Each structure stands twice: as C-alpha cells, then as structure tokens.
Amino acid sequence: SLAPAAGPTSLVEGLDNNFYFADPGTNQIGQFVTTKQKVRLFKIPTANSMPGAMTINTGSATGELYFVETAANKIAQFKYACC
C-alpha cells in the first residue's frame, strides 16, 4: 500500500528486476522491491518537481533511471542500488 496522497505513475522495470515509479503527489521516486514485496520512497531534491515520464538506461551496466521534472522543466537522473 502507498500513502493516501500518493499518485504513482510511469512504472518501469529496472535492470535489478525491481519496479520504479514517479509519484508527483509526494515528489518522490518509488521503488517496488520484488523480492521483499515492499516499497521504498526517495525524495527528489527539487521542490514540487512533479516527476513523471521515466525510462531506464539499458545500455549501461548500472541502468540509471531518467525522469522528467515537469514543473521544474528539467530531466533528472536517479541512480538506484539494488537492495
């Protein structure tokens, strides 16, 4: 379950077999850890960025995640580490 204010969008699968999503309502990136069936949330440093539209860099061994910060007019990178 996610917090009542959550509004997950843009679900993508990482190279670590976990799922990632943008949560514009809470200004966070979420990670669904498949082996533990748990969600981890990571705050975005840009206030009220309205994250969305995500993709994984499949050409990289570490598979960085890129997303748009709609309200900030930016493209951002999220480097995840497998649990």
PDB file of N, CA and C in Angstrom:
ATOM      1  N   SER A   1       0.835  -1.199   0.000  1.00  0.00           N
ATOM      2  CA  SER A   1       0.000   0.000   0.000  1.00  0.00           C
ATOM      3  C   SER A   1       0.871   1.251   0.000  1.00  0.00           C
ATOM      4  N   LEU A   2       0.360   2.303  -0.621  1.00  0.00           N
ATOM      5  CA  LEU A   2       1.039   3.593  -0.656  1.00  0.00           C
ATOM      6  C   LEU A   2       0.260   4.586   0.194  1.00  0.00           C
ATOM      7  N   ALA A   3       0.898   5.691   0.516  1.00  0.00           N
ATOM      8  CA  ALA A   3       0.251   6.738   1.315  1.00  0.00           C
ATOM      9  C   ALA A   3      -0.973   7.279   0.579  1.00  0.00           C
ATOM     10  N   PRO A   4      -1.978   7.774   1.312  1.00  0.00           N
ATOM     11  CA  PRO A   4      -3.183   8.300   0.673  1.00  0.00           C
ATOM     12  C   PRO A   4      -2.912   9.427  -0.330  1.00  0.00           C
ATOM     13  N   ALA A   5      -1.869  10.220  -0.123  1.00  0.00           N
ATOM     14  CA  ALA A   5      -1.552  11.322  -1.036  1.00  0.00           C
ATOM     15  C   ALA A   5      -0.803  10.856  -2.280  1.00  0.00           C
ATOM     16  N   ALA A   6      -0.417   9.599  -2.328  1.00  0.00           N
ATOM     17  CA  ALA A   6       0.377   9.076  -3.439  1.00  0.00           C
ATOM     18  C   ALA A   6      -0.446   9.029  -4.720  1.00  0.00           C
ATOM     19  N   GLY A   7       0.238   9.213  -5.809  1.00  0.00           N
ATOM     20  CA  GLY A   7      -0.375   9.117  -7.132  1.00  0.00           C
ATOM     21  C   GLY A   7       0.631   8.543  -8.104  1.00  0.00           C
ATOM     22  N   PRO A   8       0.985   7.254  -7.958  1.00  0.00           N
ATOM     23  CA  PRO A   8       2.057   6.682  -8.770  1.00  0.00           C
ATOM     24  C   PRO A   8       1.737   6.714 -10.262  1.00  0.00           C
ATOM     25  N   THR A   9       2.798   6.940 -11.037  1.00  0.00           N
ATOM     26  CA  THR A   9       2.678   6.978 -12.494  1.00  0.00           C
ATOM     27  C   THR A   9       4.001   6.530 -13.107  1.00  0.00           C
ATOM     28  N   SER A  10       4.005   6.247 -14.386  1.00  0.00           N
ATOM     29  CA  SER A  10       5.228   5.959 -15.151  1.00  0.00           C
ATOM     30  C   SER A  10       6.018   4.772 -14.616  1.00  0.00           C
ATOM     31  N   LEU A  11       5.391   3.650 -14.472  1.00  0.00           N
ATOM     32  CA  LEU A  11       6.039   2.439 -13.962  1.00  0.00           C
ATOM     33  C   LEU A  11       7.022   1.873 -14.985  1.00  0.00           C
ATOM     34  N   VAL A  12       8.277   1.605 -14.542  1.00  0.00           N
ATOM     35  CA  VAL A  12       9.286   0.972 -15.387  1.00  0.00           C
ATOM     36  C   VAL A  12       9.993  -0.119 -14.583  1.00  0.00           C
ATOM     37  N   GLU A  13      10.519  -1.116 -15.293  1.00  0.00           N
ATOM     38  CA  GLU A  13      11.278  -2.178 -14.632  1.00  0.00           C
ATOM     39  C   GLU A  13      12.759  -1.884 -14.766  1.00  0.00           C
ATOM     40  N   GLY A  14      13.470  -1.904 -13.633  1.00  0.00           N
ATOM     41  CA  GLY A  14      14.899  -1.673 -13.621  1.00  0.00           C
ATOM     42  C   GLY A  14      15.672  -2.926 -13.988  1.00  0.00           C
ATOM     43  N   LEU A  15      16.962  -2.759 -14.257  1.00  0.00           N
ATOM     44  CA  LEU A  15      17.812  -3.907 -14.571  1.00  0.00           C
ATOM     45  C   LEU A  15      17.986  -4.831 -13.379  1.00  0.00           C
ATOM     46  N   ASP A  16      17.620  -4.346 -12.190  1.00  0.00           N
ATOM     47  CA  ASP A  16      17.693  -5.156 -10.970  1.00  0.00           C
ATOM     48  C   ASP A  16      16.407  -5.941 -10.721  1.00  0.00           C
ATOM     49  N   ASN A  17      15.493  -5.947 -11.697  1.00  0.00           N
ATOM     50  CA  ASN A  17      14.201  -6.637 -11.626  1.00  0.00           C
ATOM     51  C   ASN A  17      13.226  -6.038 -10.619  1.00  0.00           C
ATOM     52  N   ASN A  18      13.514  -4.856 -10.112  1.00  0.00           N
ATOM     53  CA  ASN A  18      12.569  -4.123  -9.277  1.00  0.00           C
ATOM     54  C   ASN A  18      11.840  -3.132 -10.175  1.00  0.00           C
ATOM     55  N   PHE A  19      10.721  -2.618  -9.684  1.00  0.00           N
ATOM     56  CA  PHE A  19       9.941  -1.656 -10.442  1.00  0.00           C
ATOM     57  C   PHE A  19      10.084  -0.272  -9.831  1.00  0.00           C
ATOM     58  N   TYR A  20      10.084   0.740 -10.688  1.00  0.00           N
ATOM     59  CA  TYR A  20      10.253   2.125 -10.270  1.00  0.00           C
ATOM     60  C   TYR A  20       9.086   2.934 -10.799  1.00  0.00           C
ATOM     61  N   PHE A  21       8.684   3.941 -10.029  1.00  0.00           N
ATOM     62  CA  PHE A  21       7.584   4.788 -10.459  1.00  0.00           C
ATOM     63  C   PHE A  21       7.798   6.206  -9.947  1.00  0.00           C
ATOM     64  N   ALA A  22       7.197   7.145 -10.632  1.00  0.00           N
ATOM     65  CA  ALA A  22       7.215   8.538 -10.207  1.00  0.00           C
ATOM     66  C   ALA A  22       5.967   8.765  -9.357  1.00  0.00           C
ATOM     67  N   ASP A  23       6.106   9.572  -8.335  1.00  0.00           N
ATOM     68  CA  ASP A  23       4.964   9.942  -7.503  1.00  0.00           C
ATOM     69  C   ASP A  23       4.897  11.464  -7.404  1.00  0.00           C
ATOM     70  N   PRO A  24       4.207  12.107  -8.353  1.00  0.00           N
ATOM     71  CA  PRO A  24       4.152  13.564  -8.351  1.00  0.00           C
ATOM     72  C   PRO A  24       3.455  14.141  -7.121  1.00  0.00           C
ATOM     73  N   GLY A  25       2.531  13.402  -6.540  1.00  0.00           N
ATOM     74  CA  GLY A  25       1.803  13.886  -5.367  1.00  0.00           C
ATOM     75  C   GLY A  25       2.679  14.081  -4.143  1.00  0.00           C
ATOM     76  N   THR A  26       3.707  13.250  -4.008  1.00  0.00           N
ATOM     77  CA  THR A  26       4.603  13.347  -2.849  1.00  0.00           C
ATOM     78  C   THR A  26       6.022  13.769  -3.242  1.00  0.00           C
ATOM     79  N   ASN A  27       6.231  14.055  -4.551  1.00  0.00           N
ATOM     80  CA  ASN A  27       7.537  14.482  -5.071  1.00  0.00           C
ATOM     81  C   ASN A  27       8.637  13.468  -4.752  1.00  0.00           C
ATOM     82  N   GLN A  28       8.351  12.206  -5.100  1.00  0.00           N
ATOM     83  CA  GLN A  28       9.287  11.129  -4.805  1.00  0.00           C
ATOM     84  C   GLN A  28       9.386  10.154  -5.970  1.00  0.00           C
ATOM     85  N   ILE A  29      10.459   9.378  -5.956  1.00  0.00           N
ATOM     86  CA  ILE A  29      10.615   8.219  -6.822  1.00  0.00           C
ATOM     87  C   ILE A  29      10.395   6.999  -5.937  1.00  0.00           C
ATOM     88  N   GLY A  30       9.582   6.099  -6.395  1.00  0.00           N
ATOM     89  CA  GLY A  30       9.302   4.885  -5.629  1.00  0.00           C
ATOM     90  C   GLY A  30       9.986   3.683  -6.249  1.00  0.00           C
ATOM     91  N   GLN A  31      10.366   2.772  -5.394  1.00  0.00           N
ATOM     92  CA  GLN A  31      10.977   1.507  -5.816  1.00  0.00           C
ATOM     93  C   GLN A  31      10.166   0.388  -5.190  1.00  0.00           C
ATOM     94  N   PHE A  32       9.617  -0.494  -6.029  1.00  0.00           N
ATOM     95  CA  PHE A  32       8.944  -1.673  -5.519  1.00  0.00           C
ATOM     96  C   PHE A  32       9.934  -2.820  -5.580  1.00  0.00           C
ATOM     97  N   VAL A  33      10.382  -3.280  -4.413  1.00  0.00           N
ATOM     98  CA  VAL A  33      11.378  -4.348  -4.315  1.00  0.00           C
ATOM     99  C   VAL A  33      10.628  -5.677  -4.424  1.00  0.00           C
ATOM    100  N   THR A  34      10.798  -6.334  -5.560  1.00  0.00           N
ATOM    101  CA  THR A  34      10.005  -7.526  -5.850  1.00  0.00           C
ATOM    102  C   THR A  34      10.291  -8.689  -4.900  1.00  0.00           C
ATOM    103  N   THR A  35      11.543  -8.850  -4.480  1.00  0.00           N
ATOM    104  CA  THR A  35      11.874  -9.982  -3.610  1.00  0.00           C
ATOM    105  C   THR A  35      11.308  -9.830  -2.202  1.00  0.00           C
ATOM    106  N   LYS A  36      11.077  -8.584  -1.786  1.00  0.00           N
ATOM    107  CA  LYS A  36      10.568  -8.324  -0.439  1.00  0.00           C
ATOM    108  C   LYS A  36       9.115  -7.853  -0.436  1.00  0.00           C
ATOM    109  N   GLN A  37       8.570  -7.598  -1.645  1.00  0.00           N
ATOM    110  CA  GLN A  37       7.203  -7.081  -1.773  1.00  0.00           C
ATOM    111  C   GLN A  37       7.008  -5.819  -0.938  1.00  0.00           C
ATOM    112  N   LYS A  38       8.012  -4.926  -0.991  1.00  0.00           N
ATOM    113  CA  LYS A  38       7.978  -3.680  -0.222  1.00  0.00           C
ATOM    114  C   LYS A  38       8.273  -2.501  -1.126  1.00  0.00           C
ATOM    115  N   VAL A  39       7.795  -1.341  -0.710  1.00  0.00           N
ATOM    116  CA  VAL A  39       8.029  -0.103  -1.441  1.00  0.00           C
ATOM    117  C   VAL A  39       9.005   0.770  -0.658  1.00  0.00           C
ATOM    118  N   ARG A  40       9.993   1.299  -1.366  1.00  0.00           N
ATOM    119  CA  ARG A  40      10.918   2.287  -0.794  1.00  0.00           C
ATOM    120  C   ARG A  40      10.681   3.586  -1.548  1.00  0.00           C
ATOM    121  N   LEU A  41      10.726   4.709  -0.849  1.00  0.00           N
ATOM    122  CA  LEU A  41      10.497   6.010  -1.465  1.00  0.00           C
ATOM    123  C   LEU A  41      11.722   6.896  -1.295  1.00  0.00           C
ATOM    124  N   PHE A  42      12.031   7.667  -2.338  1.00  0.00           N
ATOM    125  CA  PHE A  42      13.202   8.530  -2.355  1.00  0.00           C
ATOM    126  C   PHE A  42      12.756   9.944  -2.719  1.00  0.00           C
ATOM    127  N   LYS A  43      13.044  10.897  -1.843  1.00  0.00           N
ATOM    128  CA  LYS A  43      12.685  12.304  -2.071  1.00  0.00           C
ATOM    129  C   LYS A  43      13.488  12.872  -3.233  1.00  0.00           C
ATOM    130  N   ILE A  44      12.846  13.689  -4.033  1.00  0.00           N
ATOM    131  CA  ILE A  44      13.512  14.399  -5.119  1.00  0.00           C
ATOM    132  C   ILE A  44      13.981  15.745  -4.559  1.00  0.00           C
ATOM    133  N   PRO A  45      15.255  16.107  -4.762  1.00  0.00           N
ATOM    134  CA  PRO A  45      15.764  17.359  -4.192  1.00  0.00           C
ATOM    135  C   PRO A  45      15.043  18.623  -4.681  1.00  0.00           C
ATOM    136  N   THR A  46      14.585  18.627  -5.927  1.00  0.00           N
ATOM    137  CA  THR A  46      13.874  19.793  -6.453  1.00  0.00           C
ATOM    138  C   THR A  46      12.469  19.834  -5.867  1.00  0.00           C
ATOM    139  N   ALA A  47      12.151  20.892  -5.157  1.00  0.00           N
ATOM    140  CA  ALA A  47      10.829  21.015  -4.525  1.00  0.00           C
ATOM    141  C   ALA A  47       9.721  21.054  -5.579  1.00  0.00           C
ATOM    142  N   ASN A  48       8.642  20.330  -5.305  1.00  0.00           N
ATOM    143  CA  ASN A  48       7.447  20.326  -6.164  1.00  0.00           C
ATOM    144  C   ASN A  48       7.765  20.131  -7.651  1.00  0.00           C
ATOM    145  N   SER A  49       8.623  19.184  -7.957  1.00  0.00           N
ATOM    146  CA  SER A  49       9.098  18.998  -9.330  1.00  0.00           C
ATOM    147  C   SER A  49       8.088  18.330 -10.258  1.00  0.00           C
ATOM    148  N   MET A  50       7.078  17.675  -9.703  1.00  0.00           N
ATOM    149  CA  MET A  50       6.080  16.944 -10.494  1.00  0.00           C
ATOM    150  C   MET A  50       6.739  15.889 -11.392  1.00  0.00           C
ATOM    151  N   PRO A  51       7.377  14.866 -10.793  1.00  0.00           N
ATOM    152  CA  PRO A  51       8.070  13.855 -11.584  1.00  0.00           C
ATOM    153  C   PRO A  51       7.108  13.026 -12.434  1.00  0.00           C
ATOM    154  N   GLY A  52       7.611  12.586 -13.567  1.00  0.00           N
ATOM    155  CA  GLY A  52       6.818  11.731 -14.454  1.00  0.00           C
ATOM    156  C   GLY A  52       7.702  11.157 -15.539  1.00  0.00           C
ATOM    157  N   ALA A  53       7.111  10.596 -16.572  1.00  0.00           N
ATOM    158  CA  ALA A  53       7.776  10.029 -17.746  1.00  0.00           C
ATOM    159  C   ALA A  53       9.173   9.511 -17.441  1.00  0.00           C
ATOM    160  N   MET A  54       9.274   8.214 -17.191  1.00  0.00           N
ATOM    161  CA  MET A  54      10.541   7.602 -16.796  1.00  0.00           C
ATOM    162  C   MET A  54      11.044   6.634 -17.854  1.00  0.00           C
ATOM    163  N   THR A  55      12.368   6.448 -17.862  1.00  0.00           N
ATOM    164  CA  THR A  55      12.990   5.444 -18.717  1.00  0.00           C
ATOM    165  C   THR A  55      14.256   4.935 -18.028  1.00  0.00           C
ATOM    166  N   ILE A  56      14.665   3.747 -18.404  1.00  0.00           N
ATOM    167  CA  ILE A  56      15.877   3.126 -17.863  1.00  0.00           C
ATOM    168  C   ILE A  56      16.953   3.138 -18.946  1.00  0.00           C
ATOM    169  N   ASN A  57      18.184   3.452 -18.562  1.00  0.00           N
ATOM    170  CA  ASN A  57      19.321   3.391 -19.478  1.00  0.00           C
ATOM    171  C   ASN A  57      19.766   1.938 -19.577  1.00  0.00           C
ATOM    172  N   THR A  58      19.223   1.217 -20.522  1.00  0.00           N
ATOM    173  CA  THR A  58      19.536  -0.208 -20.663  1.00  0.00           C
ATOM    174  C   THR A  58      20.911  -0.437 -21.272  1.00  0.00           C
ATOM    175  N   GLY A  59      21.536   0.614 -21.812  1.00  0.00           N
ATOM    176  CA  GLY A  59      22.874   0.490 -22.381  1.00  0.00           C
ATOM    177  C   GLY A  59      23.968   0.594 -21.335  1.00  0.00           C
ATOM    178  N   SER A  60      23.590   0.793 -20.092  1.00  0.00           N
ATOM    179  CA  SER A  60      24.547   0.940 -19.000  1.00  0.00           C
ATOM    180  C   SER A  60      24.481  -0.284 -18.095  1.00  0.00           C
ATOM    181  N   ALA A  61      25.590  -0.674 -17.541  1.00  0.00           N
ATOM    182  CA  ALA A  61      25.616  -1.821 -16.621  1.00  0.00           C
ATOM    183  C   ALA A  61      24.850  -1.529 -15.334  1.00  0.00           C
ATOM    184  N   THR A  62      24.771  -0.254 -14.970  1.00  0.00           N
ATOM    185  CA  THR A  62      24.074   0.108 -13.737  1.00  0.00           C
ATOM    186  C   THR A  62      22.629   0.521 -13.979  1.00  0.00           C
ATOM    187  N   GLY A  63      22.239   0.758 -15.227  1.00  0.00           N
ATOM    188  CA  GLY A  63      20.853   1.027 -15.569  1.00  0.00           C
ATOM    189  C   GLY A  63      20.234   2.222 -14.887  1.00  0.00           C
ATOM    190  N   GLU A  64      20.864   3.375 -14.983  1.00  0.00           N
ATOM    191  CA  GLU A  64      20.308   4.578 -14.360  1.00  0.00           C
ATOM    192  C   GLU A  64      18.894   4.834 -14.872  1.00  0.00           C
ATOM    193  N   LEU A  65      18.130   5.468 -14.031  1.00  0.00           N
ATOM    194  CA  LEU A  65      16.763   5.826 -14.362  1.00  0.00           C
ATOM    195  C   LEU A  65      16.720   7.331 -14.635  1.00  0.00           C
ATOM    196  N   TYR A  66      16.056   7.721 -15.706  1.00  0.00           N
ATOM    197  CA  TYR A  66      15.886   9.128 -16.041  1.00  0.00           C
ATOM    198  C   TYR A  66      14.398   9.453 -15.989  1.00  0.00           C
ATOM    199  N   PHE A  67      14.084  10.664 -15.533  1.00  0.00           N
ATOM    200  CA  PHE A  67      12.684  11.089 -15.466  1.00  0.00           C
ATOM    201  C   PHE A  67      12.602  12.587 -15.682  1.00  0.00           C
ATOM    202  N   VAL A  68      11.419  13.046 -16.022  1.00  0.00           N
ATOM    203  CA  VAL A  68      11.232  14.481 -16.193  1.00  0.00           C
ATOM    204  C   VAL A  68      10.730  15.090 -14.897  1.00  0.00           C
ATOM    205  N   GLU A  69      11.200  16.291 -14.629  1.00  0.00           N
ATOM    206  CA  GLU A  69      10.672  17.102 -13.536  1.00  0.00           C
ATOM    207  C   GLU A  69       9.822  18.166 -14.226  1.00  0.00           C
ATOM    208  N   THR A  70       8.567  17.840 -14.438  1.00  0.00           N
ATOM    209  CA  THR A  70       7.680  18.650 -15.259  1.00  0.00           C
ATOM    210  C   THR A  70       7.599  20.101 -14.796  1.00  0.00           C
ATOM    211  N   ALA A  71       7.366  20.325 -13.517  1.00  0.00           N
ATOM    212  CA  ALA A  71       7.208  21.690 -13.006  1.00  0.00           C
ATOM    213  C   ALA A  71       8.523  22.465 -12.989  1.00  0.00           C
ATOM    214  N   ALA A  72       9.646  21.767 -12.984  1.00  0.00           N
ATOM    215  CA  ALA A  72      10.957  22.423 -12.938  1.00  0.00           C
ATOM    216  C   ALA A  72      11.591  22.548 -14.322  1.00  0.00           C
ATOM    217  N   ASN A  73      10.928  21.959 -15.341  1.00  0.00           N
ATOM    218  CA  ASN A  73      11.443  21.984 -16.704  1.00  0.00           C
ATOM    219  C   ASN A  73      12.849  21.386 -16.775  1.00  0.00           C
ATOM    220  N   LYS A  74      13.000  20.186 -16.165  1.00  0.00           N
ATOM    221  CA  LYS A  74      14.300  19.512 -16.096  1.00  0.00           C
ATOM    222  C   LYS A  74      14.158  18.036 -16.450  1.00  0.00           C
ATOM    223  N   ILE A  75      15.276  17.455 -16.828  1.00  0.00           N
ATOM    224  CA  ILE A  75      15.403  15.998 -16.907  1.00  0.00           C
ATOM    225  C   ILE A  75      16.354  15.609 -15.800  1.00  0.00           C
ATOM    226  N   ALA A  76      15.981  14.614 -15.012  1.00  0.00           N
ATOM    227  CA  ALA A  76      16.775  14.226 -13.854  1.00  0.00           C
ATOM    228  C   ALA A  76      17.192  12.763 -13.957  1.00  0.00           C
ATOM    229  N   GLN A  77      18.220  12.420 -13.184  1.00  0.00           N
ATOM    230  CA  GLN A  77      18.727  11.060 -13.137  1.00  0.00           C
ATOM    231  C   GLN A  77      18.605  10.524 -11.718  1.00  0.00           C
ATOM    232  N   PHE A  78      18.191   9.272 -11.615  1.00  0.00           N
ATOM    233  CA  PHE A  78      18.111   8.597 -10.317  1.00  0.00           C
ATOM    234  C   PHE A  78      18.979   7.354 -10.426  1.00  0.00           C
ATOM    235  N   LYS A  79      20.007   7.265  -9.600  1.00  0.00           N
ATOM    236  CA  LYS A  79      20.868   6.080  -9.579  1.00  0.00           C
ATOM    237  C   LYS A  79      20.414   5.200  -8.440  1.00  0.00           C
ATOM    238  N   TYR A  80      19.939   4.051  -8.778  1.00  0.00           N
ATOM    239  CA  TYR A  80      19.454   3.145  -7.748  1.00  0.00           C
ATOM    240  C   TYR A  80      20.491   2.082  -7.444  1.00  0.00           C
ATOM    241  N   ALA A  81      20.408   1.577  -6.246  1.00  0.00           N
ATOM    242  CA  ALA A  81      21.275   0.476  -5.835  1.00  0.00           C
ATOM    243  C   ALA A  81      20.368  -0.682  -5.453  1.00  0.00           C
ATOM    244  N   CYS A  82      20.714  -1.811  -5.925  1.00  0.00           N
ATOM    245  CA  CYS A  82      19.899  -2.966  -5.581  1.00  0.00           C
ATOM    246  C   CYS A  82      19.927  -3.204  -4.094  1.00  0.00           C
ATOM    247  N   CYS A  83      18.849  -3.602  -3.537  1.00  0.00           N
ATOM    248  CA  CYS A  83      18.646  -3.788  -2.108  1.00  0.00           C
ATOM    249  C   CYS A  83      19.588  -4.817  -1.588  1.00  0.00           C
TER     250      CYS A  83
END
